[in-house]
Amino acid sequence: MEHKKLLDITDDEIGAIYDSGKANTISFIRSLVDKINEIDQVVKQQQLEIDRLKAIVAKDSHNSSKPPSTDGFRDTPKPKSQRKKGNKKVGGQQGHHGTTLKQTDTPDEVIFCKAHICAHCHNNLDNQELLGIEKRQVVDIEIKKKVTEYQRESKLCTCGTITKGEFPGHVTAPVQYGESVKAISNYLSTYQLVPYQRLKELLNDIFCLPISTGTLVSMNVGLGKTLKLWKDSIKEMLISQRVLHFDETGFRLFGERFWLHSVSTKALTYYQFHKKRGTVAMNDNGILTQFTGVAMHDFWKPYLKYSSVTHILCNAHLLRELIFLHEQHDQAWAKEMITLLLEIKEIRETEQNKRSSFSSDEVNDFTNRYDEILKTGFAANPETKPIAQPRKRGRPKKGKILNLLERFQNYQDSILAFMNDWDLPFDNNIALFSGIYNPQDFFKPTVQRIYQGFTA
């Protein structure tokens, strides 16, 4: 029976079918069942698409790996601290080094504010006894352009030879910018990320230096060439470490996608600019191909292809995925797993000054709780037979919930590595900061000497 006929059929027509006999009645009901099954399949497919789109909309920086810059202007949940609330006082904690401005014993200039006339009777006080001095200091910056001229002599010897004095090795042109100018421009452009055009305006407005953007680019290129030996030595030092943090960040340049790969510790960072994100780029930088220690990363699958390293997974990434499942899919097991991971982390941080590991009983208790949480999760999310679809290559998708459950099951040792070894990190956050916490410690003693041959 036609689709329109099935929808618009009247009671009299239904009665006529019934009166026409058993065979016609069964045929009519079968048509209805087929149509219901067809609509049911469409509804299920549409629901899957709705769930997928809702998941995209619901993801932000607090429940996924998306950066906060992608949150836009929508209201997002306030970030929750992973630490338990304690009795810490407000403000700087014990051991924290403040940055209060203090007076110096060696000021560059002293200006005397003399007491000439008595404030009461207006007598002259120049010859009166000095009772004391009150000091106040103003810390300021002296901004001025400094031009140093080098003059070399030419002299004629009695033997007839003309000999000229030698310019310093770094003075190579009739007029050029000095090392401090190069260091400041390199620092502002490469670390503070000031765009070339704005940097050009800044140097002209503040220092009266009319530098072109082309010259600024050349300064950075020169820095890169000078640092090559240093970069190679950083790579060698990283390969010898026990634990390395790996990460990669995508960005667009001239309309194309590129990737910035980082390999880091608290003190060392190696950056690699590459068009690829996976093993091609990782093989090119040559670190993972030689490294045999512990690799911390966020479960980007290409990392797992390197069997010579011990893999541990970033729990900060896992926590965000668990938060998403708990908030968007009402997964109780995800909330329990969040509680367990943070509890282990909190105890380790609290006790690390008193001991260096958990007891065997504690490890067994945490592990058993971990296993029970997974059992609860699998029981609440049984794997269902996929909806019939046109055949596609590869394995059928299991969905985010089952995929995360299986990751917690299959990579338990990598996730709980921080519990079993207190020297291993809980998360991969070091990779976000990429090594240098205080740029002044790096640039002040180093960059100003780079153009004079510093390579170590």
Protein backbone atom coordinates (compact mmCIF):
# COMPACT_ATOMS: atom_id res chain seq x y z
CA MET A 1 0.00 0.00 0.00
CA GLU A 2 1.31 3.46 -0.83
CA HIS A 3 2.83 5.68 1.89
CA LYS A 4 0.08 8.31 1.59
CA LYS A 5 -2.58 5.62 1.74
CA LEU A 6 -1.11 4.23 4.97
CA LEU A 7 -1.17 7.62 6.62
CA ASP A 8 -4.57 8.81 5.37
CA ILE A 9 -6.57 5.59 5.60
CA THR A 10 -10.03 5.93 7.18
CA ASP A 11 -11.79 3.66 9.66
CA ASP A 12 -14.11 2.43 6.88
CA GLU A 13 -11.13 1.45 4.72
CA ILE A 14 -9.55 -0.39 7.66
CA GLY A 15 -12.84 -2.21 8.19
CA ALA A 16 -13.02 -3.15 4.50
CA ILE A 17 -9.51 -4.64 4.70
CA TYR A 18 -10.48 -6.64 7.77
CA ASP A 19 -13.65 -7.92 6.07
CA SER A 20 -11.67 -8.89 2.97
CA GLY A 21 -10.01 -11.73 4.81
CA LYS A 22 -7.00 -12.82 6.84
CA ALA A 23 -4.44 -12.61 4.01
CA ASN A 24 -5.21 -8.97 3.16
CA THR A 25 -5.23 -8.01 6.86
CA ILE A 26 -1.79 -9.61 7.42
CA SER A 27 -0.43 -7.90 4.30
CA PHE A 28 -1.70 -4.52 5.50
CA ILE A 29 -0.22 -4.96 9.00
CA ARG A 30 3.08 -6.12 7.48
CA SER A 31 3.21 -2.92 5.40
CA LEU A 32 2.68 -0.89 8.57
CA VAL A 33 5.45 -2.80 10.41
CA ASP A 34 7.90 -2.27 7.52
CA LYS A 35 7.09 1.42 7.45
CA ILE A 36 7.55 1.71 11.25
CA ASN A 37 10.92 -0.08 11.01
CA GLU A 38 12.01 2.24 8.21
CA ILE A 39 11.03 5.34 10.23
CA ASP A 40 12.74 3.89 13.32
CA GLN A 41 16.03 3.54 11.43
CA VAL A 42 15.78 7.14 10.20
CA VAL A 43 15.04 8.41 13.72
CA LYS A 44 18.03 6.52 15.14
CA GLN A 45 20.32 7.94 12.47
CA GLN A 46 19.00 11.43 13.11
CA GLN A 47 19.46 11.00 16.87
CA LEU A 48 23.08 9.96 16.35
CA GLU A 49 23.64 13.08 14.25
CA ILE A 50 21.89 15.25 16.85
CA ASP A 51 24.06 13.78 19.63
CA ARG A 52 27.19 14.39 17.55
CA LEU A 53 26.28 18.02 16.91
CA LYS A 54 25.29 18.58 20.55
CA ALA A 55 28.65 17.18 21.62
CA ILE A 56 30.46 19.63 19.32
CA VAL A 57 28.50 22.56 20.71
CA ALA A 58 28.96 21.44 24.33
CA LYS A 59 32.74 21.12 24.15
CA ASP A 60 34.87 23.94 25.49
CA SER A 61 38.16 24.36 27.33
CA HIS A 62 36.91 22.88 30.62
CA ASN A 63 35.74 19.53 29.23
CA SER A 64 37.97 18.97 26.20
CA SER A 65 41.39 19.80 24.80
CA LYS A 66 40.09 22.94 23.08
CA PRO A 67 42.00 26.09 24.12
CA PRO A 68 40.16 28.82 26.09
CA SER A 69 40.48 31.14 23.09
CA THR A 70 37.87 29.03 21.26
CA ASP A 71 35.24 29.48 23.99
CA GLY A 72 34.12 32.78 22.48
CA PHE A 73 31.66 34.92 24.43
CA ARG A 74 29.36 32.16 25.62
CA ASP A 75 29.03 31.45 29.31
CA THR A 76 31.29 28.56 30.27
CA PRO A 77 31.50 26.89 33.68
CA LYS A 78 34.05 28.47 35.94
CA PRO A 79 37.20 26.34 36.08
CA LYS A 80 37.34 24.12 39.13
CA SER A 81 40.59 23.56 40.92
CA GLN A 82 41.87 19.99 40.93
CA ARG A 83 43.06 20.49 44.49
CA LYS A 84 40.96 19.86 47.55
CA LYS A 85 40.01 22.84 49.64
CA GLY A 86 42.31 23.35 52.59
CA ASN A 87 42.97 25.84 55.34
CA LYS A 88 45.51 27.91 53.45
CA LYS A 89 45.48 31.61 54.23
CA VAL A 90 44.72 34.15 51.55
CA GLY A 91 47.72 35.66 49.77
CA GLY A 92 51.32 34.51 49.40
CA GLN A 93 52.10 31.16 50.99
CA GLN A 94 55.05 30.28 53.17
CA GLY A 95 58.22 30.06 51.10
CA HIS A 96 56.83 32.27 48.36
CA HIS A 97 59.33 34.91 47.23
CA GLY A 98 57.58 38.23 46.77
CA THR A 99 58.56 41.04 44.41
CA THR A 100 58.15 44.07 46.69
CA LEU A 101 60.00 47.13 45.43
CA LYS A 102 62.88 47.88 47.81
CA GLN A 103 65.34 50.73 48.17
CA THR A 104 68.92 50.29 46.98
CA ASP A 105 72.11 51.27 48.80
CA THR A 106 73.71 52.40 45.53
CA PRO A 107 71.40 54.88 43.76
CA ASP A 108 72.60 56.21 40.40
CA GLU A 109 71.84 59.80 41.33
CA VAL A 110 71.21 61.59 44.64
CA ILE A 111 69.25 64.84 44.76
CA PHE A 112 69.26 66.76 48.07
CA CYS A 113 66.01 68.40 49.18
CA LYS A 114 67.48 70.99 51.58
CA ALA A 115 65.65 72.69 54.43
CA HIS A 116 66.51 76.36 53.71
CA ILE A 117 63.85 78.29 55.61
CA CYS A 118 62.15 77.54 58.96
CA ALA A 119 58.53 76.57 58.40
CA HIS A 120 57.50 78.51 61.56
CA CYS A 121 59.57 81.70 61.88
CA HIS A 122 61.13 81.77 58.39
CA ASN A 123 64.74 82.02 59.66
CA ASN A 124 67.57 80.85 57.33
CA LEU A 125 68.68 77.29 58.24
CA ASP A 126 71.76 76.89 56.03
CA ASN A 127 74.18 77.02 58.97
CA GLN A 128 72.07 74.97 61.40
CA GLU A 129 73.01 71.49 62.62
CA LEU A 130 71.74 68.56 60.49
CA LEU A 131 69.47 66.31 62.60
CA GLY A 132 68.80 63.55 60.07
CA ILE A 133 67.92 62.56 56.51
CA GLU A 134 64.79 60.83 55.21
CA LYS A 135 65.31 58.89 51.99
CA ARG A 136 62.83 58.23 49.20
CA GLN A 137 63.75 56.57 45.90
CA VAL A 138 62.14 56.63 42.45
CA VAL A 139 62.92 53.65 40.22
CA ASP A 140 62.68 54.66 36.58
CA ILE A 141 64.01 53.69 33.16
CA GLU A 142 66.41 55.82 31.17
CA ILE A 143 65.34 55.61 27.54
CA LYS A 144 67.77 57.01 25.02
CA LYS A 145 69.61 56.06 21.88
CA LYS A 146 73.34 55.56 22.29
CA VAL A 147 75.70 55.87 19.29
CA THR A 148 79.23 54.54 19.65
CA GLU A 149 81.73 55.57 16.97
CA TYR A 150 84.78 53.45 16.25
CA GLN A 151 87.70 55.21 14.56
CA ARG A 152 90.69 53.28 13.30
CA GLU A 153 93.99 54.88 12.53
CA SER A 154 96.06 54.58 9.39
CA LYS A 155 99.82 55.09 9.77
CA LEU A 156 102.73 55.11 7.37
CA CYS A 157 105.79 53.19 8.53
CA THR A 158 109.32 54.33 7.70
CA CYS A 159 109.54 51.21 5.55
CA GLY A 160 106.77 52.58 3.36
CA THR A 161 103.93 50.26 4.58
CA ILE A 162 100.54 51.71 5.54
CA THR A 163 99.05 49.92 8.56
CA LYS A 164 95.43 50.34 9.76
CA GLY A 165 94.00 49.63 13.18
CA GLU A 166 91.49 46.78 13.63
CA PHE A 167 87.76 47.34 14.19
CA PRO A 168 86.15 44.97 16.73
CA GLY A 169 84.93 41.75 15.12
CA HIS A 170 81.24 42.57 15.56
CA VAL A 171 81.61 45.99 13.86
CA THR A 172 81.28 45.09 10.19
CA ALA A 173 79.50 48.02 8.50
CA PRO A 174 79.78 51.83 8.30
CA VAL A 175 76.65 52.00 10.46
CA GLN A 176 74.75 49.14 12.12
CA TYR A 177 72.53 48.27 15.04
CA GLY A 178 74.18 47.06 18.24
CA GLU A 179 73.75 43.86 20.24
CA SER A 180 71.26 45.36 22.70
CA VAL A 181 68.96 46.44 19.87
CA LYS A 182 69.09 42.94 18.41
CA ALA A 183 68.49 41.32 21.79
CA ILE A 184 65.48 43.53 22.56
CA SER A 185 63.90 43.02 19.13
CA ASN A 186 64.47 39.24 19.29
CA TYR A 187 62.97 39.06 22.77
CA LEU A 188 59.89 41.14 21.95
CA SER A 189 59.16 39.38 18.65
CA THR A 190 59.95 35.74 19.52
CA TYR A 191 58.96 35.53 23.18
CA GLN A 192 56.45 38.34 23.71
CA LEU A 193 55.03 37.71 20.18
CA VAL A 194 54.89 41.38 19.23
CA PRO A 195 54.11 41.58 15.46
CA TYR A 196 56.83 43.06 13.28
CA GLN A 197 54.83 46.14 12.32
CA ARG A 198 54.00 46.97 15.92
CA LEU A 199 57.57 46.25 16.99
CA LYS A 200 58.80 48.63 14.31
CA GLU A 201 56.51 51.36 15.70
CA LEU A 202 57.56 50.62 19.30
CA LEU A 203 61.29 50.92 18.58
CA ASN A 204 60.75 54.15 16.64
CA ASP A 205 58.39 55.75 19.19
CA ILE A 206 60.33 54.84 22.34
CA PHE A 207 63.97 54.60 21.23
CA CYS A 208 63.88 56.79 18.08
CA LEU A 209 65.19 53.85 16.02
CA PRO A 210 63.67 53.85 12.50
CA ILE A 211 64.06 50.10 11.89
CA SER A 212 62.34 48.47 8.93
CA THR A 213 60.37 45.24 9.26
CA GLY A 214 62.86 43.59 6.88
CA THR A 215 65.70 44.38 9.28
CA LEU A 216 63.71 42.91 12.19
CA VAL A 217 63.18 39.72 10.22
CA SER A 218 66.90 39.56 9.40
CA MET A 219 67.72 39.90 13.11
CA ASN A 220 65.56 36.88 13.92
CA VAL A 221 67.07 34.88 11.06
CA GLY A 222 70.52 35.73 12.35
CA LEU A 223 69.53 34.61 15.84
CA GLY A 224 68.26 31.31 14.47
CA LYS A 225 71.49 30.61 12.61
CA THR A 226 73.61 31.47 15.63
CA LEU A 227 71.51 29.20 17.86
CA LYS A 228 71.73 26.11 15.64
CA LEU A 229 74.61 24.52 17.57
CA TRP A 230 72.83 25.32 20.81
CA LYS A 231 69.61 23.79 19.47
CA ASP A 232 71.45 20.60 18.55
CA SER A 233 72.95 20.41 22.03
CA ILE A 234 69.47 20.81 23.57
CA LYS A 235 68.29 17.86 21.50
CA GLU A 236 71.17 15.71 22.77
CA MET A 237 70.45 16.69 26.38
CA LEU A 238 66.74 15.90 25.99
CA ILE A 239 67.45 12.44 24.61
CA SER A 240 69.47 11.66 27.76
CA GLN A 241 66.65 12.63 30.17
CA ARG A 242 64.49 10.12 32.01
CA VAL A 243 61.12 11.83 31.39
CA LEU A 244 60.13 13.98 28.41
CA HIS A 245 56.89 15.85 27.72
CA PHE A 246 55.60 15.78 24.12
CA ASP A 247 52.93 17.99 22.57
CA GLU A 248 51.94 19.51 19.24
CA THR A 249 49.87 22.60 18.47
CA GLY A 250 48.27 23.39 15.14
CA PHE A 251 48.15 26.82 13.54
CA ARG A 252 47.53 28.35 10.13
CA LEU A 253 50.08 30.22 8.06
CA PHE A 254 49.26 31.67 4.63
CA GLY A 255 46.04 29.66 4.64
CA GLU A 256 47.77 26.33 5.28
CA ARG A 257 47.83 24.12 8.37
CA PHE A 258 51.16 23.71 10.17
CA TRP A 259 52.20 22.16 13.48
CA LEU A 260 54.52 23.30 16.25
CA HIS A 261 55.94 20.23 18.00
CA SER A 262 57.51 20.61 21.43
CA VAL A 263 59.67 18.28 23.50
CA SER A 264 60.40 19.60 26.97
CA THR A 265 61.40 19.27 30.58
CA LYS A 266 61.23 21.98 33.26
CA ALA A 267 64.57 23.36 32.07
CA LEU A 268 64.85 22.38 28.39
CA THR A 269 62.61 22.87 25.36
CA TYR A 270 62.98 21.83 21.73
CA TYR A 271 60.60 23.31 19.14
CA GLN A 272 60.00 21.91 15.69
CA PHE A 273 57.99 23.63 12.95
CA HIS A 274 56.49 21.05 10.55
CA LYS A 275 53.72 20.59 8.01
CA LYS A 276 52.87 17.17 9.45
CA ARG A 277 51.53 16.25 12.89
CA GLY A 278 52.30 12.53 13.09
CA THR A 279 55.25 10.17 12.75
CA VAL A 280 56.78 11.95 9.73
CA ALA A 281 57.42 15.04 11.87
CA MET A 282 58.41 12.99 14.92
CA ASN A 283 60.97 11.04 12.90
CA ASP A 284 62.34 14.25 11.39
CA ASN A 285 63.24 15.80 14.74
CA GLY A 286 65.08 12.62 15.69
CA ILE A 287 64.24 12.62 19.42
CA LEU A 288 61.67 9.84 19.77
CA THR A 289 63.68 7.63 17.43
CA GLN A 290 66.58 7.72 19.91
CA PHE A 291 64.82 8.26 23.24
CA THR A 292 64.49 5.26 25.61
CA GLY A 293 63.01 6.89 28.70
CA VAL A 294 59.45 7.84 29.74
CA ALA A 295 57.29 9.78 27.27
CA MET A 296 54.38 11.82 28.63
CA HIS A 297 51.73 12.75 26.04
CA ASP A 298 48.00 13.07 25.48
CA PHE A 299 47.26 9.74 23.71
CA TRP A 300 47.90 11.03 20.21
CA LYS A 301 48.17 7.60 18.57
CA PRO A 302 51.41 8.17 16.55
CA TYR A 303 53.35 8.46 19.82
CA LEU A 304 52.44 4.88 20.68
CA LYS A 305 54.29 3.58 17.60
CA TYR A 306 57.61 4.14 19.37
CA SER A 307 58.15 0.93 21.32
CA SER A 308 61.55 1.87 22.77
CA VAL A 309 59.94 4.28 25.26
CA THR A 310 57.63 3.85 28.25
CA HIS A 311 54.38 5.72 27.58
CA ILE A 312 52.42 7.56 30.27
CA LEU A 313 49.21 9.47 29.59
CA CYS A 314 48.30 13.00 30.60
CA ASN A 315 45.62 12.84 33.30
CA ALA A 316 44.65 16.48 32.75
CA HIS A 317 43.38 15.52 29.27
CA LEU A 318 41.62 12.46 30.69
CA LEU A 319 39.95 14.54 33.40
CA ARG A 320 38.49 16.90 30.80
CA GLU A 321 37.09 13.94 28.84
CA LEU A 322 35.62 12.50 32.03
CA ILE A 323 34.04 15.86 32.88
CA PHE A 324 32.43 15.93 29.42
CA LEU A 325 30.93 12.44 29.85
CA HIS A 326 29.68 13.24 33.34
CA GLU A 327 28.10 16.58 32.37
CA GLN A 328 26.79 15.76 28.90
CA HIS A 329 26.01 12.02 29.15
CA ASP A 330 25.27 11.64 32.87
CA GLN A 331 27.97 8.98 33.30
CA ALA A 332 28.24 8.29 37.03
CA TRP A 333 31.39 6.18 36.59
CA ALA A 334 33.17 9.18 35.05
CA LYS A 335 32.52 11.24 38.19
CA GLU A 336 33.84 8.38 40.36
CA MET A 337 37.00 8.13 38.24
CA ILE A 338 37.60 11.89 38.53
CA THR A 339 37.31 11.60 42.31
CA LEU A 340 39.74 8.66 42.45
CA LEU A 341 42.43 10.24 40.26
CA LEU A 342 42.33 13.52 42.15
CA GLU A 343 42.39 11.71 45.49
CA ILE A 344 45.55 9.81 44.53
CA LYS A 345 47.11 13.05 43.27
CA GLU A 346 46.18 14.97 46.43
CA ILE A 347 47.58 12.32 48.79
CA ARG A 348 50.82 12.12 46.81
CA GLU A 349 51.29 15.90 46.90
CA THR A 350 50.49 16.06 50.60
CA GLU A 351 52.77 13.19 51.58
CA GLN A 352 55.70 13.68 49.18
CA ASN A 353 57.78 15.51 51.82
CA LYS A 354 57.30 12.65 54.29
CA ARG A 355 57.71 9.58 52.06
CA SER A 356 58.50 8.59 48.50
CA SER A 357 55.80 6.05 47.59
CA PHE A 358 52.43 4.56 48.45
CA SER A 359 52.29 1.41 50.55
CA SER A 360 51.35 -1.84 48.83
CA ASP A 361 47.98 -1.79 50.62
CA GLU A 362 47.26 1.71 49.32
CA VAL A 363 48.22 0.72 45.77
CA ASN A 364 45.98 -2.37 45.95
CA ASP A 365 43.08 -0.31 47.29
CA PHE A 366 43.39 2.34 44.57
CA THR A 367 43.78 -0.31 41.86
CA ASN A 368 40.72 -2.26 43.05
CA ARG A 369 38.63 0.90 43.11
CA TYR A 370 39.86 1.72 39.61
CA ASP A 371 38.81 -1.74 38.36
CA GLU A 372 35.40 -1.52 40.06
CA ILE A 373 34.71 1.86 38.48
CA LEU A 374 35.45 0.41 35.03
CA LYS A 375 33.16 -2.56 35.70
CA THR A 376 30.39 -0.16 36.60
CA GLY A 377 31.06 1.86 33.46
CA PHE A 378 31.00 -1.15 31.14
CA ALA A 379 27.85 -2.49 32.80
CA ALA A 380 26.08 0.82 32.25
CA ASN A 381 27.23 1.04 28.63
CA PRO A 382 26.96 -2.39 26.98
CA GLU A 383 28.23 -2.54 23.43
CA THR A 384 25.27 -2.61 21.03
CA LYS A 385 25.06 -3.91 17.51
CA PRO A 386 25.59 -0.98 15.11
CA ILE A 387 22.67 0.21 13.01
CA ALA A 388 22.68 -1.28 9.53
CA GLN A 389 24.49 1.09 7.19
CA PRO A 390 26.21 0.96 3.82
CA ARG A 391 29.48 -0.92 4.29
CA LYS A 392 32.42 1.31 5.17
CA ARG A 393 36.11 0.58 5.53
CA GLY A 394 37.53 0.02 9.01
CA ARG A 395 35.98 -1.01 12.28
CA PRO A 396 32.55 0.37 13.28
CA LYS A 397 32.66 3.28 15.72
CA LYS A 398 31.94 2.46 19.36
CA GLY A 399 31.26 5.98 20.58
CA LYS A 400 33.10 8.23 23.00
CA ILE A 401 31.94 6.47 26.16
CA LEU A 402 33.10 2.98 25.23
CA ASN A 403 36.28 4.31 23.65
CA LEU A 404 37.24 6.10 26.86
CA LEU A 405 36.33 3.09 28.99
CA GLU A 406 38.54 0.87 26.84
CA ARG A 407 41.38 3.38 27.03
CA PHE A 408 41.21 3.33 30.84
CA GLN A 409 41.14 -0.46 30.72
CA ASN A 410 43.90 -1.04 28.15
CA TYR A 411 46.26 1.70 29.36
CA GLN A 412 45.82 1.39 33.11
CA ASP A 413 49.57 1.25 33.77
CA SER A 414 50.16 4.38 31.67
CA ILE A 415 47.37 6.29 33.45
CA LEU A 416 48.35 5.25 36.99
CA ALA A 417 52.10 5.58 36.43
CA PHE A 418 52.14 8.66 38.71
CA MET A 419 50.73 6.49 41.51
CA ASN A 420 53.32 3.74 41.17
CA ASP A 421 56.31 6.08 40.73
CA TRP A 422 56.23 9.43 42.52
CA ASP A 423 58.98 10.78 40.28
CA LEU A 424 56.62 10.63 37.29
CA PRO A 425 54.27 13.56 36.52
CA PHE A 426 50.49 13.53 36.85
CA ASP A 427 49.89 15.55 33.68
CA ASN A 428 51.55 17.04 30.62
CA ASN A 429 51.19 20.67 31.66
CA ILE A 430 54.94 21.30 31.44
CA ALA A 431 54.59 20.93 27.66
CA LEU A 432 52.19 23.88 27.68
CA PHE A 433 54.73 26.17 29.34
CA SER A 434 57.54 24.74 27.21
CA GLY A 435 60.40 24.97 29.63
CA ILE A 436 61.43 28.58 30.18
CA TYR A 437 59.47 29.96 33.14
CA ASN A 438 61.48 33.16 33.63
CA PRO A 439 62.52 34.67 30.29
CA GLN A 440 64.82 37.18 32.00
CA ASP A 441 66.97 34.28 33.24
CA PHE A 442 67.44 33.27 29.61
CA PHE A 443 67.57 36.45 27.57
CA LYS A 444 69.55 38.81 29.78
CA PRO A 445 72.74 36.73 30.13
CA THR A 446 72.43 34.91 26.82
CA VAL A 447 70.88 36.78 23.91
CA GLN A 448 73.05 39.88 24.41
CA ARG A 449 76.09 37.65 23.83
CA ILE A 450 74.72 35.56 20.97
CA TYR A 451 75.96 37.90 18.25
CA GLN A 452 79.40 37.81 19.81
CA GLY A 453 79.72 34.07 19.21
CA PHE A 454 77.84 32.57 22.18
CA THR A 455 76.78 29.04 21.19
CA ALA A 456 77.03 26.93 24.34
